[in-house]
Amino acid sequence: GSKDYADSVKDRFTISRDNAKNTVYLQMNSLKTEDTAVYYCN
């Protein structure tokens, strides 16, 4: 479950996973206008 982040979101975003729920999350805090985008999971 090691994590890596783009420099632009480090310390603001947190990725996590719940294998029991087959779900991955992205918690996004301190959002900036430059975060505007379509977000895709992979």
All heavy atoms as atom14 arrays in JSON, in Angstrom:
{
  "sequence": "GSKDYADSVKDRFTISRDNAKNTVYLQMNSLKTEDTAVYYCN",
  "atom14_mask": [
    [1, 1, 1, 1, 0, 0, 0, 0, 0, 0, 0, 0, 0, 0],
    [1, 1, 1, 1, 1, 1, 0, 0, 0, 0, 0, 0, 0, 0],
    [1, 1, 1, 1, 1, 1, 1, 1, 1, 0, 0, 0, 0, 0],
    [1, 1, 1, 1, 1, 1, 1, 1, 0, 0, 0, 0, 0, 0],
    [1, 1, 1, 1, 1, 1, 1, 1, 1, 1, 1, 1, 0, 0],
    [1, 1, 1, 1, 1, 0, 0, 0, 0, 0, 0, 0, 0, 0],
    [1, 1, 1, 1, 1, 1, 1, 1, 0, 0, 0, 0, 0, 0],
    [1, 1, 1, 1, 1, 1, 0, 0, 0, 0, 0, 0, 0, 0],
    [1, 1, 1, 1, 1, 1, 1, 0, 0, 0, 0, 0, 0, 0],
    [1, 1, 1, 1, 1, 1, 1, 1, 1, 0, 0, 0, 0, 0],
    [1, 1, 1, 1, 1, 1, 1, 1, 0, 0, 0, 0, 0, 0],
    [1, 1, 1, 1, 1, 1, 1, 1, 1, 1, 1, 0, 0, 0],
    [1, 1, 1, 1, 1, 1, 1, 1, 1, 1, 1, 0, 0, 0],
    [1, 1, 1, 1, 1, 1, 1, 0, 0, 0, 0, 0, 0, 0],
    [1, 1, 1, 1, 1, 1, 1, 1, 0, 0, 0, 0, 0, 0],
    [1, 1, 1, 1, 1, 1, 0, 0, 0, 0, 0, 0, 0, 0],
    [1, 1, 1, 1, 1, 1, 1, 1, 1, 1, 1, 0, 0, 0],
    [1, 1, 1, 1, 1, 1, 1, 1, 0, 0, 0, 0, 0, 0],
    [1, 1, 1, 1, 1, 1, 1, 1, 0, 0, 0, 0, 0, 0],
    [1, 1, 1, 1, 1, 0, 0, 0, 0, 0, 0, 0, 0, 0],
    [1, 1, 1, 1, 1, 1, 1, 1, 1, 0, 0, 0, 0, 0],
    [1, 1, 1, 1, 1, 1, 1, 1, 0, 0, 0, 0, 0, 0],
    [1, 1, 1, 1, 1, 1, 1, 0, 0, 0, 0, 0, 0, 0],
    [1, 1, 1, 1, 1, 1, 1, 0, 0, 0, 0, 0, 0, 0],
    [1, 1, 1, 1, 1, 1, 1, 1, 1, 1, 1, 1, 0, 0],
    [1, 1, 1, 1, 1, 1, 1, 1, 0, 0, 0, 0, 0, 0],
    [1, 1, 1, 1, 1, 1, 1, 1, 1, 0, 0, 0, 0, 0],
    [1, 1, 1, 1, 1, 1, 1, 1, 0, 0, 0, 0, 0, 0],
    [1, 1, 1, 1, 1, 1, 1, 1, 0, 0, 0, 0, 0, 0],
    [1, 1, 1, 1, 1, 1, 0, 0, 0, 0, 0, 0, 0, 0],
    [1, 1, 1, 1, 1, 1, 1, 1, 0, 0, 0, 0, 0, 0],
    [1, 1, 1, 1, 1, 1, 1, 1, 1, 0, 0, 0, 0, 0],
    [1, 1, 1, 1, 1, 1, 1, 0, 0, 0, 0, 0, 0, 0],
    [1, 1, 1, 1, 1, 1, 1, 1, 1, 0, 0, 0, 0, 0],
    [1, 1, 1, 1, 1, 1, 1, 1, 0, 0, 0, 0, 0, 0],
    [1, 1, 1, 1, 1, 1, 1, 0, 0, 0, 0, 0, 0, 0],
    [1, 1, 1, 1, 1, 0, 0, 0, 0, 0, 0, 0, 0, 0],
    [1, 1, 1, 1, 1, 1, 1, 0, 0, 0, 0, 0, 0, 0],
    [1, 1, 1, 1, 1, 1, 1, 1, 1, 1, 1, 1, 0, 0],
    [1, 1, 1, 1, 1, 1, 1, 1, 1, 1, 1, 1, 0, 0],
    [1, 1, 1, 1, 1, 1, 0, 0, 0, 0, 0, 0, 0, 0],
    [1, 1, 1, 1, 1, 1, 1, 1, 0, 0, 0, 0, 0, 0]
  ],
  "atom14_positions": [
    [[0.79, -1.21, 0.0], [0.0, 0.0, 0.0], [0.83, 1.27, 0.0], [0.37, 2.31, 0.47], [0.0, 0.0, 0.0], [0.0, 0.0, 0.0], [0.0, 0.0, 0.0], [0.0, 0.0, 0.0], [0.0, 0.0, 0.0], [0.0, 0.0, 0.0], [0.0, 0.0, 0.0], [0.0, 0.0, 0.0], [0.0, 0.0, 0.0], [0.0, 0.0, 0.0]],
    [[2.04, 1.17, -0.51], [2.88, 2.36, -0.59], [2.27, 3.36, -1.55], [1.63, 3.0, -2.54], [4.3, 1.98, -1.02], [4.3, 1.38, -2.3], [0.0, 0.0, 0.0], [0.0, 0.0, 0.0], [0.0, 0.0, 0.0], [0.0, 0.0, 0.0], [0.0, 0.0, 0.0], [0.0, 0.0, 0.0], [0.0, 0.0, 0.0], [0.0, 0.0, 0.0]],
    [[2.49, 4.63, -1.25], [1.83, 5.71, -1.98], [2.84, 6.65, -2.62], [3.91, 6.9, -2.07], [0.92, 6.5, -1.04], [-0.14, 5.65, -0.37], [-0.89, 6.45, 0.69], [-1.9, 5.59, 1.41], [-2.64, 6.36, 2.45], [0.0, 0.0, 0.0], [0.0, 0.0, 0.0], [0.0, 0.0, 0.0], [0.0, 0.0, 0.0], [0.0, 0.0, 0.0]],
    [[2.45, 7.18, -3.75], [3.25, 8.19, -4.44], [2.33, 9.27, -4.95], [1.19, 9.01, -5.34], [4.04, 7.59, -5.6], [5.18, 6.71, -5.14], [6.15, 7.26, -4.58], [5.11, 5.49, -5.34], [0.0, 0.0, 0.0], [0.0, 0.0, 0.0], [0.0, 0.0, 0.0], [0.0, 0.0, 0.0], [0.0, 0.0, 0.0], [0.0, 0.0, 0.0]],
    [[2.84, 10.5, -4.97], [2.04, 11.65, -5.38], [2.83, 12.54, -6.33], [4.06, 12.64, -6.24], [1.63, 12.49, -4.18], [0.8, 11.76, -3.17], [1.4, 11.14, -2.07], [-0.58, 11.69, -3.3], [0.63, 10.46, -1.14], [-1.35, 11.02, -2.37], [-0.74, 10.4, -1.29], [-1.5, 9.74, -0.37], [0.0, 0.0, 0.0], [0.0, 0.0, 0.0]],
    [[2.11, 13.18, -7.22], [2.71, 14.24, -8.0], [3.11, 15.38, -7.07], [2.43, 15.65, -6.07], [1.74, 14.73, -9.06], [0.0, 0.0, 0.0], [0.0, 0.0, 0.0], [0.0, 0.0, 0.0], [0.0, 0.0, 0.0], [0.0, 0.0, 0.0], [0.0, 0.0, 0.0], [0.0, 0.0, 0.0], [0.0, 0.0, 0.0], [0.0, 0.0, 0.0]],
    [[4.2, 16.05, -7.4], [4.66, 17.15, -6.57], [3.59, 18.23, -6.39], [3.51, 18.86, -5.33], [5.92, 17.77, -7.16], [7.14, 16.89, -7.02], [7.12, 15.96, -6.18], [8.12, 17.12, -7.75], [0.0, 0.0, 0.0], [0.0, 0.0, 0.0], [0.0, 0.0, 0.0], [0.0, 0.0, 0.0], [0.0, 0.0, 0.0], [0.0, 0.0, 0.0]],
    [[2.78, 18.42, -7.4], [1.78, 19.47, -7.36], [0.66, 19.22, -6.36], [-0.04, 20.16, -5.98], [1.17, 19.67, -8.76], [0.56, 18.48, -9.22], [0.0, 0.0, 0.0], [0.0, 0.0, 0.0], [0.0, 0.0, 0.0], [0.0, 0.0, 0.0], [0.0, 0.0, 0.0], [0.0, 0.0, 0.0], [0.0, 0.0, 0.0], [0.0, 0.0, 0.0]],
    [[0.49, 17.97, -5.92], [-0.6, 17.65, -5.0], [-0.11, 17.1, -3.67], [-0.93, 16.91, -2.76], [-1.61, 16.67, -5.62], [-2.09, 17.17, -6.97], [-1.0, 15.27, -5.75], [0.0, 0.0, 0.0], [0.0, 0.0, 0.0], [0.0, 0.0, 0.0], [0.0, 0.0, 0.0], [0.0, 0.0, 0.0], [0.0, 0.0, 0.0], [0.0, 0.0, 0.0]],
    [[1.17, 16.85, -3.55], [1.72, 16.3, -2.31], [1.39, 17.23, -1.14], [1.48, 18.44, -1.25], [3.23, 16.12, -2.46], [3.87, 15.32, -1.33], [5.29, 14.91, -1.7], [5.3, 13.93, -2.85], [6.68, 13.44, -3.15], [0.0, 0.0, 0.0], [0.0, 0.0, 0.0], [0.0, 0.0, 0.0], [0.0, 0.0, 0.0], [0.0, 0.0, 0.0]],
    [[1.0, 16.63, -0.04], [0.6, 17.31, 1.19], [-0.8, 17.91, 1.12], [-1.27, 18.49, 2.11], [1.6, 18.4, 1.6], [2.98, 17.85, 1.87], [3.09, 16.73, 2.39], [3.96, 18.55, 1.56], [0.0, 0.0, 0.0], [0.0, 0.0, 0.0], [0.0, 0.0, 0.0], [0.0, 0.0, 0.0], [0.0, 0.0, 0.0], [0.0, 0.0, 0.0]],
    [[-1.47, 17.76, -0.02], [-2.85, 18.21, -0.13], [-3.81, 17.06, -0.42], [-4.95, 17.07, 0.04], [-2.99, 19.26, -1.23], [-2.2, 20.53, -0.96], [-2.57, 21.62, -1.97], [-2.26, 21.24, -3.34], [-3.16, 21.13, -4.32], [-4.45, 21.38, -4.08], [-2.78, 20.79, -5.55], [0.0, 0.0, 0.0], [0.0, 0.0, 0.0], [0.0, 0.0, 0.0]],
    [[-3.36, 16.08, -1.21], [-4.19, 14.95, -1.61], [-3.73, 13.69, -0.89], [-2.54, 13.51, -0.61], [-4.11, 14.7, -3.12], [-4.74, 15.75, -3.99], [-5.18, 16.96, -3.47], [-4.88, 15.52, -5.35], [-5.75, 17.93, -4.28], [-5.45, 16.47, -6.17], [-5.89, 17.68, -5.64], [0.0, 0.0, 0.0], [0.0, 0.0, 0.0], [0.0, 0.0, 0.0]],
    [[-4.67, 12.78, -0.65], [-4.36, 11.49, -0.05], [-5.09, 10.39, -0.8], [-6.31, 10.43, -0.93], [-4.75, 11.44, 1.44], [-4.08, 12.48, 2.15], [-4.35, 10.09, 2.04], [0.0, 0.0, 0.0], [0.0, 0.0, 0.0], [0.0, 0.0, 0.0], [0.0, 0.0, 0.0], [0.0, 0.0, 0.0], [0.0, 0.0, 0.0], [0.0, 0.0, 0.0]],
    [[-4.34, 9.41, -1.28], [-4.95, 8.25, -1.91], [-5.05, 7.12, -0.88], [-4.17, 6.95, -0.04], [-4.14, 7.8, -3.15], [-4.89, 6.71, -3.93], [-2.75, 7.35, -2.78], [-4.27, 6.37, -5.28], [0.0, 0.0, 0.0], [0.0, 0.0, 0.0], [0.0, 0.0, 0.0], [0.0, 0.0, 0.0], [0.0, 0.0, 0.0], [0.0, 0.0, 0.0]],
    [[-6.14, 6.37, -0.94], [-6.31, 5.23, -0.06], [-7.13, 4.17, -0.77], [-7.79, 4.45, -1.79], [-6.98, 5.64, 1.26], [-8.27, 6.19, 1.03], [0.0, 0.0, 0.0], [0.0, 0.0, 0.0], [0.0, 0.0, 0.0], [0.0, 0.0, 0.0], [0.0, 0.0, 0.0], [0.0, 0.0, 0.0], [0.0, 0.0, 0.0], [0.0, 0.0, 0.0]],
    [[-7.09, 2.95, -0.24], [-7.87, 1.88, -0.84], [-8.52, 1.04, 0.24], [-7.99, 0.9, 1.35], [-6.99, 1.0, -1.75], [-5.9, 0.22, -1.02], [-4.94, -0.45, -2.0], [-5.61, -1.46, -2.81], [-5.13, -1.94, -3.96], [-3.98, -1.48, -4.44], [-5.81, -2.86, -4.63], [0.0, 0.0, 0.0], [0.0, 0.0, 0.0], [0.0, 0.0, 0.0]],
    [[-9.66, 0.48, -0.09], [-10.37, -0.43, 0.78], [-10.65, -1.68, -0.04], [-11.59, -1.72, -0.83], [-11.66, 0.19, 1.31], [-12.34, -0.66, 2.35], [-12.11, -1.88, 2.39], [-13.12, -0.1, 3.15], [0.0, 0.0, 0.0], [0.0, 0.0, 0.0], [0.0, 0.0, 0.0], [0.0, 0.0, 0.0], [0.0, 0.0, 0.0], [0.0, 0.0, 0.0]],
    [[-9.81, -2.69, 0.14], [-9.95, -3.9, -0.67], [-11.25, -4.65, -0.38], [-11.78, -5.32, -1.26], [-8.75, -4.82, -0.45], [-7.48, -4.29, -1.08], [-7.52, -3.46, -1.98], [-6.35, -4.78, -0.6], [0.0, 0.0, 0.0], [0.0, 0.0, 0.0], [0.0, 0.0, 0.0], [0.0, 0.0, 0.0], [0.0, 0.0, 0.0], [0.0, 0.0, 0.0]],
    [[-11.75, -4.54, 0.83], [-13.01, -5.19, 1.18], [-14.18, -4.59, 0.42], [-15.18, -5.26, 0.17], [-13.26, -5.12, 2.68], [0.0, 0.0, 0.0], [0.0, 0.0, 0.0], [0.0, 0.0, 0.0], [0.0, 0.0, 0.0], [0.0, 0.0, 0.0], [0.0, 0.0, 0.0], [0.0, 0.0, 0.0], [0.0, 0.0, 0.0], [0.0, 0.0, 0.0]],
    [[-14.07, -3.32, 0.06], [-15.12, -2.63, -0.67], [-14.8, -2.45, -2.15], [-15.59, -1.85, -2.88], [-15.38, -1.26, -0.05], [-15.92, -1.32, 1.37], [-16.18, 0.07, 1.92], [-16.75, 0.02, 3.31], [-17.0, 1.37, 3.86], [0.0, 0.0, 0.0], [0.0, 0.0, 0.0], [0.0, 0.0, 0.0], [0.0, 0.0, 0.0], [0.0, 0.0, 0.0]],
    [[-13.65, -2.94, -2.57], [-13.21, -2.77, -3.96], [-13.28, -1.31, -4.39], [-13.78, -0.98, -5.47], [-14.05, -3.64, -4.9], [-13.68, -5.11, -4.85], [-12.82, -5.53, -4.08], [-14.34, -5.91, -5.68], [0.0, 0.0, 0.0], [0.0, 0.0, 0.0], [0.0, 0.0, 0.0], [0.0, 0.0, 0.0], [0.0, 0.0, 0.0], [0.0, 0.0, 0.0]],
    [[-12.77, -0.45, -3.54], [-12.89, 0.98, -3.78], [-11.57, 1.68, -3.49], [-10.88, 1.36, -2.52], [-13.99, 1.59, -2.91], [-15.24, 0.94, -3.2], [-14.15, 3.07, -3.18], [0.0, 0.0, 0.0], [0.0, 0.0, 0.0], [0.0, 0.0, 0.0], [0.0, 0.0, 0.0], [0.0, 0.0, 0.0], [0.0, 0.0, 0.0], [0.0, 0.0, 0.0]],
    [[-11.23, 2.63, -4.34], [-10.09, 3.5, -4.13], [-10.61, 4.93, -3.99], [-11.56, 5.32, -4.67], [-9.04, 3.37, -5.26], [-9.65, 3.7, -6.62], [-7.83, 4.24, -4.98], [0.0, 0.0, 0.0], [0.0, 0.0, 0.0], [0.0, 0.0, 0.0], [0.0, 0.0, 0.0], [0.0, 0.0, 0.0], [0.0, 0.0, 0.0], [0.0, 0.0, 0.0]],
    [[-9.97, 5.71, -3.12], [-10.4, 7.05, -2.81], [-9.29, 8.05, -3.1], [-8.1, 7.72, -3.06], [-10.78, 7.19, -1.34], [-11.83, 6.21, -0.88], [-11.46, 5.01, -0.27], [-13.18, 6.48, -1.03], [-12.41, 4.1, 0.16], [-14.14, 5.58, -0.59], [-13.75, 4.39, 0.01], [-14.7, 3.5, 0.44], [0.0, 0.0, 0.0], [0.0, 0.0, 0.0]],
    [[-9.69, 9.26, -3.35], [-8.76, 10.37, -3.41], [-9.34, 11.53, -2.61], [-10.31, 12.16, -3.03], [-8.49, 10.81, -4.85], [-7.43, 11.9, -5.01], [-6.04, 11.36, -4.65], [-7.42, 12.45, -6.43], [0.0, 0.0, 0.0], [0.0, 0.0, 0.0], [0.0, 0.0, 0.0], [0.0, 0.0, 0.0], [0.0, 0.0, 0.0], [0.0, 0.0, 0.0]],
    [[-8.77, 11.77, -1.44], [-9.16, 12.91, -0.62], [-8.38, 14.12, -1.08], [-7.15, 14.1, -1.08], [-8.89, 12.63, 0.86], [-9.24, 13.78, 1.78], [-10.71, 14.06, 1.83], [-11.52, 13.15, 1.98], [-11.09, 15.33, 1.72], [0.0, 0.0, 0.0], [0.0, 0.0, 0.0], [0.0, 0.0, 0.0], [0.0, 0.0, 0.0], [0.0, 0.0, 0.0]],
    [[-9.08, 15.16, -1.46], [-8.46, 16.36, -1.99], [-8.77, 17.53, -1.07], [-9.94, 17.9, -0.91], [-8.95, 16.65, -3.41], [-8.75, 15.49, -4.37], [-9.2, 15.91, -6.08], [-10.96, 16.17, -5.88], [0.0, 0.0, 0.0], [0.0, 0.0, 0.0], [0.0, 0.0, 0.0], [0.0, 0.0, 0.0], [0.0, 0.0, 0.0], [0.0, 0.0, 0.0]],
    [[-7.75, 18.1, -0.48], [-7.89, 19.25, 0.41], [-7.16, 20.45, -0.16], [-6.3, 20.33, -1.04], [-7.34, 18.92, 1.8], [-8.06, 17.79, 2.47], [-9.27, 17.62, 2.32], [-7.32, 17.0, 3.25], [0.0, 0.0, 0.0], [0.0, 0.0, 0.0], [0.0, 0.0, 0.0], [0.0, 0.0, 0.0], [0.0, 0.0, 0.0], [0.0, 0.0, 0.0]],
    [[-7.49, 21.61, 0.36], [-6.84, 22.86, -0.06], [-6.82, 22.99, -1.58], [-5.79, 23.3, -2.18], [-5.42, 22.93, 0.51], [-5.43, 22.86, 1.92], [0.0, 0.0, 0.0], [0.0, 0.0, 0.0], [0.0, 0.0, 0.0], [0.0, 0.0, 0.0], [0.0, 0.0, 0.0], [0.0, 0.0, 0.0], [0.0, 0.0, 0.0], [0.0, 0.0, 0.0]],
    [[-7.95, 22.78, -2.18], [-8.03, 22.75, -3.64], [-7.71, 24.1, -4.25], [-8.07, 25.15, -3.7], [-9.4, 22.27, -4.08], [-9.6, 20.76, -3.96], [-11.08, 20.41, -3.95], [-8.89, 20.05, -5.1], [0.0, 0.0, 0.0], [0.0, 0.0, 0.0], [0.0, 0.0, 0.0], [0.0, 0.0, 0.0], [0.0, 0.0, 0.0], [0.0, 0.0, 0.0]],
    [[-7.06, 24.05, -5.38], [-6.67, 25.22, -6.14], [-7.36, 25.21, -7.5], [-7.76, 24.16, -7.98], [-5.15, 25.25, -6.35], [-4.34, 25.16, -5.07], [-2.85, 25.05, -5.39], [-2.02, 24.96, -4.12], [-0.58, 24.84, -4.43], [0.0, 0.0, 0.0], [0.0, 0.0, 0.0], [0.0, 0.0, 0.0], [0.0, 0.0, 0.0], [0.0, 0.0, 0.0]],
    [[-7.46, 26.37, -8.12], [-8.09, 26.44, -9.43], [-7.38, 25.55, -10.44], [-8.02, 24.98, -11.33], [-8.14, 27.87, -9.95], [-6.82, 28.42, -9.98], [-9.01, 28.74, -9.06], [0.0, 0.0, 0.0], [0.0, 0.0, 0.0], [0.0, 0.0, 0.0], [0.0, 0.0, 0.0], [0.0, 0.0, 0.0], [0.0, 0.0, 0.0], [0.0, 0.0, 0.0]],
    [[-6.08, 25.4, -10.3], [-5.33, 24.57, -11.23], [-5.57, 23.07, -11.04], [-5.08, 22.26, -11.83], [-3.82, 24.86, -11.16], [-3.25, 24.82, -9.76], [-3.12, 26.19, -9.14], [-4.07, 26.99, -9.23], [-2.05, 26.48, -8.55], [0.0, 0.0, 0.0], [0.0, 0.0, 0.0], [0.0, 0.0, 0.0], [0.0, 0.0, 0.0], [0.0, 0.0, 0.0]],
    [[-6.32, 22.7, -10.01], [-6.73, 21.31, -9.85], [-7.94, 20.95, -10.71], [-8.33, 19.78, -10.77], [-7.06, 21.01, -8.39], [-5.85, 21.12, -7.48], [-4.76, 20.66, -7.86], [-6.01, 21.68, -6.36], [0.0, 0.0, 0.0], [0.0, 0.0, 0.0], [0.0, 0.0, 0.0], [0.0, 0.0, 0.0], [0.0, 0.0, 0.0], [0.0, 0.0, 0.0]],
    [[-8.53, 21.94, -11.35], [-9.69, 21.69, -12.2], [-9.32, 20.75, -13.34], [-8.38, 21.0, -14.09], [-10.23, 23.0, -12.76], [-10.71, 23.82, -11.7], [-11.37, 22.75, -13.75], [0.0, 0.0, 0.0], [0.0, 0.0, 0.0], [0.0, 0.0, 0.0], [0.0, 0.0, 0.0], [0.0, 0.0, 0.0], [0.0, 0.0, 0.0], [0.0, 0.0, 0.0]],
    [[-10.05, 19.65, -13.45], [-9.76, 18.64, -14.46], [-10.81, 17.54, -14.36], [-11.6, 17.49, -13.42], [-8.36, 18.04, -14.26], [0.0, 0.0, 0.0], [0.0, 0.0, 0.0], [0.0, 0.0, 0.0], [0.0, 0.0, 0.0], [0.0, 0.0, 0.0], [0.0, 0.0, 0.0], [0.0, 0.0, 0.0], [0.0, 0.0, 0.0], [0.0, 0.0, 0.0]],
    [[-10.79, 16.66, -15.34], [-11.5, 15.4, -15.23], [-10.56, 14.4, -14.57], [-9.43, 14.22, -15.02], [-11.97, 14.87, -16.6], [-12.65, 13.52, -16.45], [-12.92, 15.86, -17.25], [0.0, 0.0, 0.0], [0.0, 0.0, 0.0], [0.0, 0.0, 0.0], [0.0, 0.0, 0.0], [0.0, 0.0, 0.0], [0.0, 0.0, 0.0], [0.0, 0.0, 0.0]],
    [[-11.03, 13.77, -13.52], [-10.23, 12.83, -12.76], [-10.65, 11.4, -13.09], [-11.83, 11.07, -13.08], [-10.37, 13.08, -11.26], [-9.6, 14.28, -10.79], [-10.01, 15.57, -11.12], [-8.44, 14.14, -10.03], [-9.28, 16.68, -10.72], [-7.71, 15.24, -9.61], [-8.14, 16.5, -9.96], [-7.41, 17.6, -9.55], [0.0, 0.0, 0.0], [0.0, 0.0, 0.0]],
    [[-9.65, 10.56, -13.37], [-9.88, 9.18, -13.77], [-9.18, 8.24, -12.8], [-8.04, 8.49, -12.4], [-9.31, 8.91, -15.16], [-9.88, 9.75, -16.27], [-9.33, 10.99, -16.58], [-10.95, 9.3, -17.02], [-9.84, 11.76, -17.6], [-11.47, 10.07, -18.05], [-10.91, 11.29, -18.34], [-11.41, 12.05, -19.36], [0.0, 0.0, 0.0], [0.0, 0.0, 0.0]],
    [[-9.84, 7.16, -12.44], [-9.15, 6.13, -11.69], [-8.65, 5.05, -12.65], [-9.2, 4.84, -13.73], [-10.03, 5.52, -10.59], [-11.48, 4.62, -11.15], [0.0, 0.0, 0.0], [0.0, 0.0, 0.0], [0.0, 0.0, 0.0], [0.0, 0.0, 0.0], [0.0, 0.0, 0.0], [0.0, 0.0, 0.0], [0.0, 0.0, 0.0], [0.0, 0.0, 0.0]],
    [[-7.59, 4.4, -12.23], [-6.91, 3.41, -13.04], [-6.49, 2.25, -12.16], [-6.04, 2.44, -11.04], [-5.68, 4.05, -13.71], [-4.73, 3.04, -14.31], [-3.71, 2.7, -13.69], [-5.04, 2.58, -15.5], [0.0, 0.0, 0.0], [0.0, 0.0, 0.0], [0.0, 0.0, 0.0], [0.0, 0.0, 0.0], [0.0, 0.0, 0.0], [0.0, 0.0, 0.0]]
  ]
}
